[in-house]
Amino acid sequence: MRPSYAETINNTPVTFRAPSLREREAYLERFDLCPQKASDYSFVNLWGWAEQYGLKWTFENRCAWIRQTLPEPVYWAPVGPWEDVDWKNCPVLAQGGTFIRVPETLFAIWRDTLGDRLAAEEARNQWDYVYDVHELIELEGKRFAKKKALLETFTRRYNFEYHSMQPDCVEYALELQAEWCEWRECKDSEALLMENAAIARVLKSWEELPGLLGGYITVDNTMVAYTVAEEIAPDTLVVHFEKGHTDFEGVYQAINQMFLANEAGQYDIVNREQDLGDSGLRKAKLSYNPSGFLKKYTVRIAPE
């Protein structure tokens, strides 16, 4: 991946460069000012997927502008204080273009500001699923009866222990991830290969990513599940990756509940990202009874 490239915006050359650990704090300053924080725009998500999507960024007009270059060039939503930006005089919007993964709050601001220049459609496959943390810890009521039964099966049947993820556990998570990829035949799926590369990049950078949280479960001293998450707001945690050994019944219900119970009690909301249009993933995410969705749009802006 090229470290940087120049793009002309309204006759002015602008240098886009790959997201870097060196610029993490500068990016987070802008992300913290966003009135709505979608999972896509967390630093860990950008860092993990940067090579797979050829992501680049530049800091202009109080925002971080993110450019995806693979498989084709397209903008993501800008990251910054949306309510305080003069969008009518913004050079990037003046030239027009297509923006993907646009959170609904920014979409509403642009719709009110840009009027007929804007056309949009819902990007349902990219909607974030959000849940009440305490509901997923307690699993009370009929809505969660099947989840609670599977969790109880796991805790009754196996000699398990829950652990907080530490840097010295990363190699074991990488081993489990490699095994998971063999079971799921990742070599035959471009999407799974891309995800595997993103997971490996995040795990290998664990000590350089201070916002990471994680947990894992062992059975008879062997890791059988792990999860990786990140705080994106004082009340919100996003779960980026969650993998389990499916030979252990209830393993996913166990890592989901135990991680939140042990690491996330201070949060109100857990964002479990998108389903990407995968029918099995959509069914699984809906089965956990989301409290809502963070909707996103594909937005096309006509040039001035």
Protein backbone atom coordinates (compact mmCIF):
# COMPACT_ATOMS: atom_id res chain seq x y z
CA MET A 1 0.00 0.00 0.00
CA ARG A 2 1.43 3.37 -1.00
CA PRO A 3 2.08 5.46 2.14
CA SER A 4 0.57 8.59 0.56
CA TYR A 5 -0.84 10.03 -2.62
CA ALA A 6 -1.91 13.46 -3.82
CA GLU A 7 -5.40 14.32 -4.99
CA THR A 8 -6.50 17.61 -6.46
CA ILE A 9 -9.49 19.13 -4.67
CA ASN A 10 -10.83 22.29 -6.29
CA ASN A 11 -7.49 22.81 -8.06
CA THR A 12 -5.56 22.43 -4.79
CA PRO A 13 -3.26 19.41 -4.28
CA VAL A 14 -4.10 17.54 -1.06
CA THR A 15 -1.91 14.76 0.30
CA PHE A 16 -3.66 11.68 1.61
CA ARG A 17 -1.60 9.29 3.71
CA ALA A 18 -2.11 5.91 5.35
CA PRO A 19 -3.52 5.98 8.91
CA SER A 20 -0.60 5.78 11.31
CA LEU A 21 0.00 5.26 14.99
CA ARG A 22 1.92 8.53 14.98
CA GLU A 23 -1.23 10.45 14.03
CA ARG A 24 -3.58 8.49 16.29
CA GLU A 25 -4.06 11.31 18.79
CA ALA A 26 -4.69 13.89 16.07
CA TYR A 27 -7.36 11.63 14.61
CA LEU A 28 -8.96 10.91 17.99
CA GLU A 29 -9.25 14.65 18.69
CA ARG A 30 -11.53 14.88 15.67
CA PHE A 31 -13.36 11.62 16.38
CA ASP A 32 -14.14 12.78 19.91
CA LEU A 33 -15.91 15.84 18.45
CA CYS A 34 -18.24 13.72 16.30
CA PRO A 35 -21.81 13.93 17.63
CA GLN A 36 -22.45 10.34 16.49
CA LYS A 37 -19.78 7.65 16.60
CA ALA A 38 -20.19 4.74 14.20
CA SER A 39 -18.03 1.66 14.59
CA ASP A 40 -16.38 2.18 11.20
CA TYR A 41 -14.63 5.34 12.39
CA SER A 42 -12.94 4.07 15.54
CA PHE A 43 -9.19 4.27 15.23
CA VAL A 44 -8.79 0.52 15.75
CA ASN A 45 -11.19 -0.23 12.91
CA LEU A 46 -9.36 2.13 10.54
CA TRP A 47 -5.98 0.75 11.59
CA GLY A 48 -7.06 -2.87 11.25
CA TRP A 49 -8.66 -2.52 7.82
CA ALA A 50 -6.35 0.15 6.34
CA GLU A 51 -4.39 -2.21 4.12
CA GLN A 52 -7.42 -4.23 3.02
CA TYR A 53 -9.34 -1.17 1.79
CA GLY A 54 -6.33 0.97 0.91
CA LEU A 55 -7.51 3.60 3.41
CA LYS A 56 -5.92 7.06 3.42
CA TRP A 57 -6.69 10.18 5.38
CA THR A 58 -5.98 13.87 5.45
CA PHE A 59 -6.88 16.55 7.97
CA GLU A 60 -8.65 19.53 6.39
CA ASN A 61 -11.47 21.93 7.37
CA ARG A 62 -11.42 20.74 11.01
CA CYS A 63 -12.17 17.18 9.87
CA ALA A 64 -10.37 13.96 9.07
CA TRP A 65 -11.25 13.03 5.49
CA ILE A 66 -11.01 9.30 4.76
CA ARG A 67 -10.47 7.97 1.26
CA GLN A 68 -10.90 4.30 0.36
CA THR A 69 -8.80 3.35 -2.65
CA LEU A 70 -9.58 -0.39 -2.94
CA PRO A 71 -11.31 -1.90 -4.80
CA GLU A 72 -12.20 1.55 -6.15
CA PRO A 73 -11.83 5.15 -4.93
CA VAL A 74 -14.63 6.46 -2.72
CA TYR A 75 -14.91 8.75 0.29
CA TRP A 76 -16.09 7.70 3.73
CA ALA A 77 -17.84 10.29 5.90
CA PRO A 78 -15.62 13.07 7.29
CA VAL A 79 -14.83 12.83 11.01
CA GLY A 80 -15.05 15.96 13.13
CA PRO A 81 -17.43 18.56 14.64
CA TRP A 82 -20.15 18.18 12.01
CA GLU A 83 -22.46 20.79 13.49
CA ASP A 84 -19.77 23.48 13.34
CA VAL A 85 -18.44 22.94 9.81
CA ASP A 86 -19.35 25.34 7.00
CA TRP A 87 -20.41 22.61 4.57
CA LYS A 88 -21.62 25.06 1.90
CA ASN A 89 -18.08 26.38 1.53
CA CYS A 90 -16.27 23.08 2.00
CA PRO A 91 -13.87 22.40 -0.92
CA VAL A 92 -14.35 18.62 -0.81
CA LEU A 93 -18.13 18.88 -1.03
CA ALA A 94 -17.89 21.62 -3.65
CA GLN A 95 -16.33 19.18 -6.09
CA GLY A 96 -19.05 16.59 -5.39
CA GLY A 97 -18.64 12.85 -5.11
CA THR A 98 -19.91 9.70 -3.47
CA PHE A 99 -19.62 9.13 0.28
CA ILE A 100 -20.27 5.76 1.90
CA ARG A 101 -20.93 4.73 5.53
CA VAL A 102 -22.44 8.14 6.29
CA PRO A 103 -24.03 8.08 9.78
CA GLU A 104 -27.61 9.29 9.96
CA THR A 105 -26.79 12.42 11.99
CA LEU A 106 -24.37 13.70 9.34
CA PHE A 107 -26.78 12.68 6.58
CA ALA A 108 -29.48 14.85 8.18
CA ILE A 109 -27.08 17.82 8.46
CA TRP A 110 -26.02 17.49 4.83
CA ARG A 111 -29.63 17.05 3.65
CA ASP A 112 -30.66 20.27 5.39
CA THR A 113 -27.58 22.15 4.18
CA LEU A 114 -27.09 20.94 0.61
CA GLY A 115 -30.69 20.46 -0.46
CA ASP A 116 -31.13 19.31 -4.07
CA ARG A 117 -27.42 18.65 -4.52
CA LEU A 118 -27.77 15.57 -2.32
CA ALA A 119 -29.14 12.14 -3.23
CA ALA A 120 -29.01 9.26 -0.77
CA GLU A 121 -30.05 5.70 -0.11
CA GLU A 122 -30.06 3.62 3.05
CA ALA A 123 -27.04 1.34 3.38
CA ARG A 124 -28.81 -1.35 5.45
CA ASN A 125 -25.87 -3.77 5.27
CA GLN A 126 -23.71 -1.20 7.05
CA TRP A 127 -26.04 -0.36 9.94
CA ASP A 128 -24.48 -0.85 13.36
CA TYR A 129 -26.37 -3.03 15.82
CA VAL A 130 -26.49 -1.50 19.30
CA TYR A 131 -27.48 -3.29 22.50
CA ASP A 132 -28.07 -2.58 26.16
CA VAL A 133 -24.97 -3.88 27.97
CA HIS A 134 -26.85 -4.87 31.10
CA GLU A 135 -29.47 -6.81 29.14
CA LEU A 136 -26.72 -8.87 27.53
CA ILE A 137 -25.10 -9.50 30.91
CA GLU A 138 -28.29 -10.54 32.71
CA LEU A 139 -30.04 -12.32 29.79
CA GLU A 140 -33.37 -12.08 31.59
CA GLY A 141 -36.80 -12.88 30.18
CA LYS A 142 -38.18 -14.90 27.30
CA ARG A 143 -36.33 -12.84 24.70
CA PHE A 144 -33.02 -14.22 25.93
CA ALA A 145 -34.13 -17.69 27.05
CA LYS A 146 -32.25 -19.56 24.30
CA LYS A 147 -29.08 -17.52 24.86
CA LYS A 148 -29.19 -18.13 28.60
CA ALA A 149 -29.77 -21.87 28.09
CA LEU A 150 -26.73 -22.12 25.82
CA LEU A 151 -24.63 -20.15 28.30
CA GLU A 152 -25.69 -22.49 31.10
CA THR A 153 -24.89 -25.52 28.94
CA PHE A 154 -21.38 -24.18 28.41
CA THR A 155 -20.74 -23.38 32.07
CA ARG A 156 -22.12 -26.73 33.21
CA ARG A 157 -20.40 -28.93 30.64
CA TYR A 158 -16.84 -27.54 30.44
CA ASN A 159 -13.96 -26.87 32.82
CA PHE A 160 -13.64 -23.22 31.81
CA GLU A 161 -11.99 -20.03 33.01
CA TYR A 162 -12.50 -16.45 31.84
CA HIS A 163 -9.45 -14.15 31.50
CA SER A 164 -8.88 -10.52 30.57
CA MET A 165 -6.78 -10.20 27.43
CA GLN A 166 -3.18 -9.13 28.07
CA PRO A 167 -0.31 -8.64 25.62
CA ASP A 168 1.21 -12.01 26.50
CA CYS A 169 -2.02 -13.74 25.40
CA VAL A 170 -1.99 -12.36 21.85
CA GLU A 171 -0.02 -15.27 20.38
CA TYR A 172 -2.65 -17.71 21.65
CA ALA A 173 -5.44 -15.62 20.12
CA LEU A 174 -3.54 -15.64 16.81
CA GLU A 175 -3.28 -19.43 17.02
CA LEU A 176 -7.01 -19.76 17.65
CA GLN A 177 -7.73 -17.34 14.82
CA ALA A 178 -5.58 -19.44 12.45
CA GLU A 179 -7.47 -22.57 13.49
CA TRP A 180 -10.80 -20.79 13.07
CA CYS A 181 -9.77 -19.81 9.55
CA GLU A 182 -9.02 -23.44 8.72
CA TRP A 183 -12.43 -24.57 10.00
CA ARG A 184 -14.20 -21.84 8.03
CA GLU A 185 -12.02 -22.42 4.92
CA CYS A 186 -10.98 -18.77 4.73
CA LYS A 187 -8.83 -19.51 1.71
CA ASP A 188 -12.04 -19.79 -0.34
CA SER A 189 -13.52 -16.49 0.86
CA GLU A 190 -12.02 -13.12 0.03
CA ALA A 191 -14.10 -11.50 2.79
CA LEU A 192 -12.82 -13.91 5.46
CA LEU A 193 -9.24 -13.54 4.25
CA MET A 194 -9.54 -9.76 4.55
CA GLU A 195 -11.04 -10.05 8.03
CA ASN A 196 -8.30 -12.45 9.08
CA ALA A 197 -5.63 -9.99 7.95
CA ALA A 198 -7.36 -7.14 9.82
CA ILE A 199 -7.59 -9.24 13.01
CA ALA A 200 -3.92 -10.18 12.79
CA ARG A 201 -2.89 -6.55 12.32
CA VAL A 202 -4.85 -5.43 15.38
CA LEU A 203 -3.68 -8.29 17.58
CA LYS A 204 -0.04 -7.82 16.62
CA SER A 205 -0.34 -4.10 17.45
CA TRP A 206 -1.96 -4.70 20.84
CA GLU A 207 0.66 -2.88 22.91
CA GLU A 208 0.56 0.13 20.56
CA LEU A 209 -3.24 0.49 20.75
CA PRO A 210 -4.00 1.69 24.30
CA GLY A 211 -7.76 1.79 23.72
CA LEU A 212 -8.10 -1.96 23.30
CA LEU A 213 -10.02 -4.25 25.64
CA GLY A 214 -10.37 -7.96 25.32
CA GLY A 215 -11.14 -11.22 27.00
CA TYR A 216 -10.80 -14.93 26.38
CA ILE A 217 -12.03 -18.23 27.69
CA THR A 218 -9.97 -21.34 28.25
CA VAL A 219 -11.22 -24.90 28.65
CA ASP A 220 -8.72 -27.19 30.30
CA ASN A 221 -6.12 -24.43 29.85
CA THR A 222 -6.66 -24.14 26.08
CA MET A 223 -8.07 -20.94 24.56
CA VAL A 224 -11.46 -21.64 22.96
CA ALA A 225 -12.81 -18.10 22.43
CA TYR A 226 -11.65 -14.51 22.42
CA THR A 227 -13.07 -11.05 21.84
CA VAL A 228 -11.52 -7.67 21.03
CA ALA A 229 -13.26 -4.37 21.77
CA GLU A 230 -12.65 -0.64 22.11
CA GLU A 231 -14.27 2.29 23.91
CA ILE A 232 -15.65 4.81 21.42
CA ALA A 233 -17.54 7.02 23.90
CA PRO A 234 -17.72 7.20 27.70
CA ASP A 235 -20.90 5.09 27.65
CA THR A 236 -20.22 2.95 24.57
CA LEU A 237 -18.04 -0.02 23.73
CA VAL A 238 -17.66 -1.48 20.25
CA VAL A 239 -16.88 -5.19 19.78
CA HIS A 240 -14.63 -5.53 16.74
CA PHE A 241 -13.88 -9.25 16.69
CA GLU A 242 -15.31 -12.28 18.45
CA LYS A 243 -14.28 -15.84 17.60
CA GLY A 244 -14.93 -19.18 19.24
CA HIS A 245 -14.23 -22.88 18.79
CA THR A 246 -17.56 -24.27 17.65
CA ASP A 247 -16.87 -27.76 19.05
CA PHE A 248 -17.84 -26.22 22.40
CA GLU A 249 -21.60 -25.76 22.62
CA GLY A 250 -22.55 -22.29 23.80
CA VAL A 251 -19.05 -20.89 23.34
CA TYR A 252 -20.23 -17.70 21.60
CA GLN A 253 -22.92 -17.04 24.19
CA ALA A 254 -20.27 -17.56 26.86
CA ILE A 255 -17.64 -15.18 25.48
CA ASN A 256 -20.29 -12.55 24.75
CA GLN A 257 -21.76 -12.60 28.27
CA MET A 258 -18.55 -13.14 30.22
CA PHE A 259 -16.63 -10.40 28.44
CA LEU A 260 -19.36 -7.84 29.13
CA ALA A 261 -19.83 -8.99 32.73
CA ASN A 262 -16.12 -8.76 33.48
CA GLU A 263 -14.96 -5.81 31.38
CA ALA A 264 -17.93 -3.66 30.41
CA GLY A 265 -20.10 -3.09 33.47
CA GLN A 266 -19.35 0.65 33.38
CA TYR A 267 -20.80 1.02 29.87
CA ASP A 268 -24.46 1.35 28.88
CA ILE A 269 -24.21 0.49 25.19
CA VAL A 270 -22.35 -2.14 23.21
CA ASN A 271 -22.06 -1.66 19.46
CA ARG A 272 -21.59 -4.98 17.67
CA GLU A 273 -20.97 -3.53 14.21
CA GLN A 274 -22.67 -4.48 10.93
CA ASP A 275 -23.98 -7.66 9.34
CA LEU A 276 -22.60 -6.75 5.87
CA GLY A 277 -25.68 -8.30 4.28
CA ASP A 278 -24.75 -11.81 5.40
CA SER A 279 -28.06 -13.57 6.17
CA GLY A 280 -26.59 -15.81 8.88
CA LEU A 281 -24.85 -12.92 10.59
CA ARG A 282 -28.00 -10.79 10.39
CA LYS A 283 -30.06 -13.56 12.01
CA ALA A 284 -27.48 -13.95 14.79
CA LYS A 285 -27.30 -10.22 15.52
CA LEU A 286 -31.08 -9.86 15.54
CA SER A 287 -31.40 -12.83 17.90
CA TYR A 288 -29.66 -10.79 20.60
CA ASN A 289 -32.53 -8.25 20.50
CA PRO A 290 -30.78 -4.99 19.60
CA SER A 291 -32.02 -1.90 21.37
CA GLY A 292 -31.57 0.03 18.13
CA PHE A 293 -29.50 0.65 15.03
CA LEU A 294 -27.03 3.31 14.03
CA LYS A 295 -28.20 3.85 10.47
CA LYS A 296 -25.88 4.74 7.63
CA TYR A 297 -26.35 5.99 4.09
CA THR A 298 -24.63 6.14 0.75
CA VAL A 299 -24.68 9.82 -0.23
CA ARG A 300 -24.06 11.32 -3.66
CA ILE A 301 -23.35 15.04 -3.82
CA ALA A 302 -23.51 16.94 -7.09
CA PRO A 303 -20.70 19.43 -7.75
CA GLU A 304 -21.49 23.10 -7.43
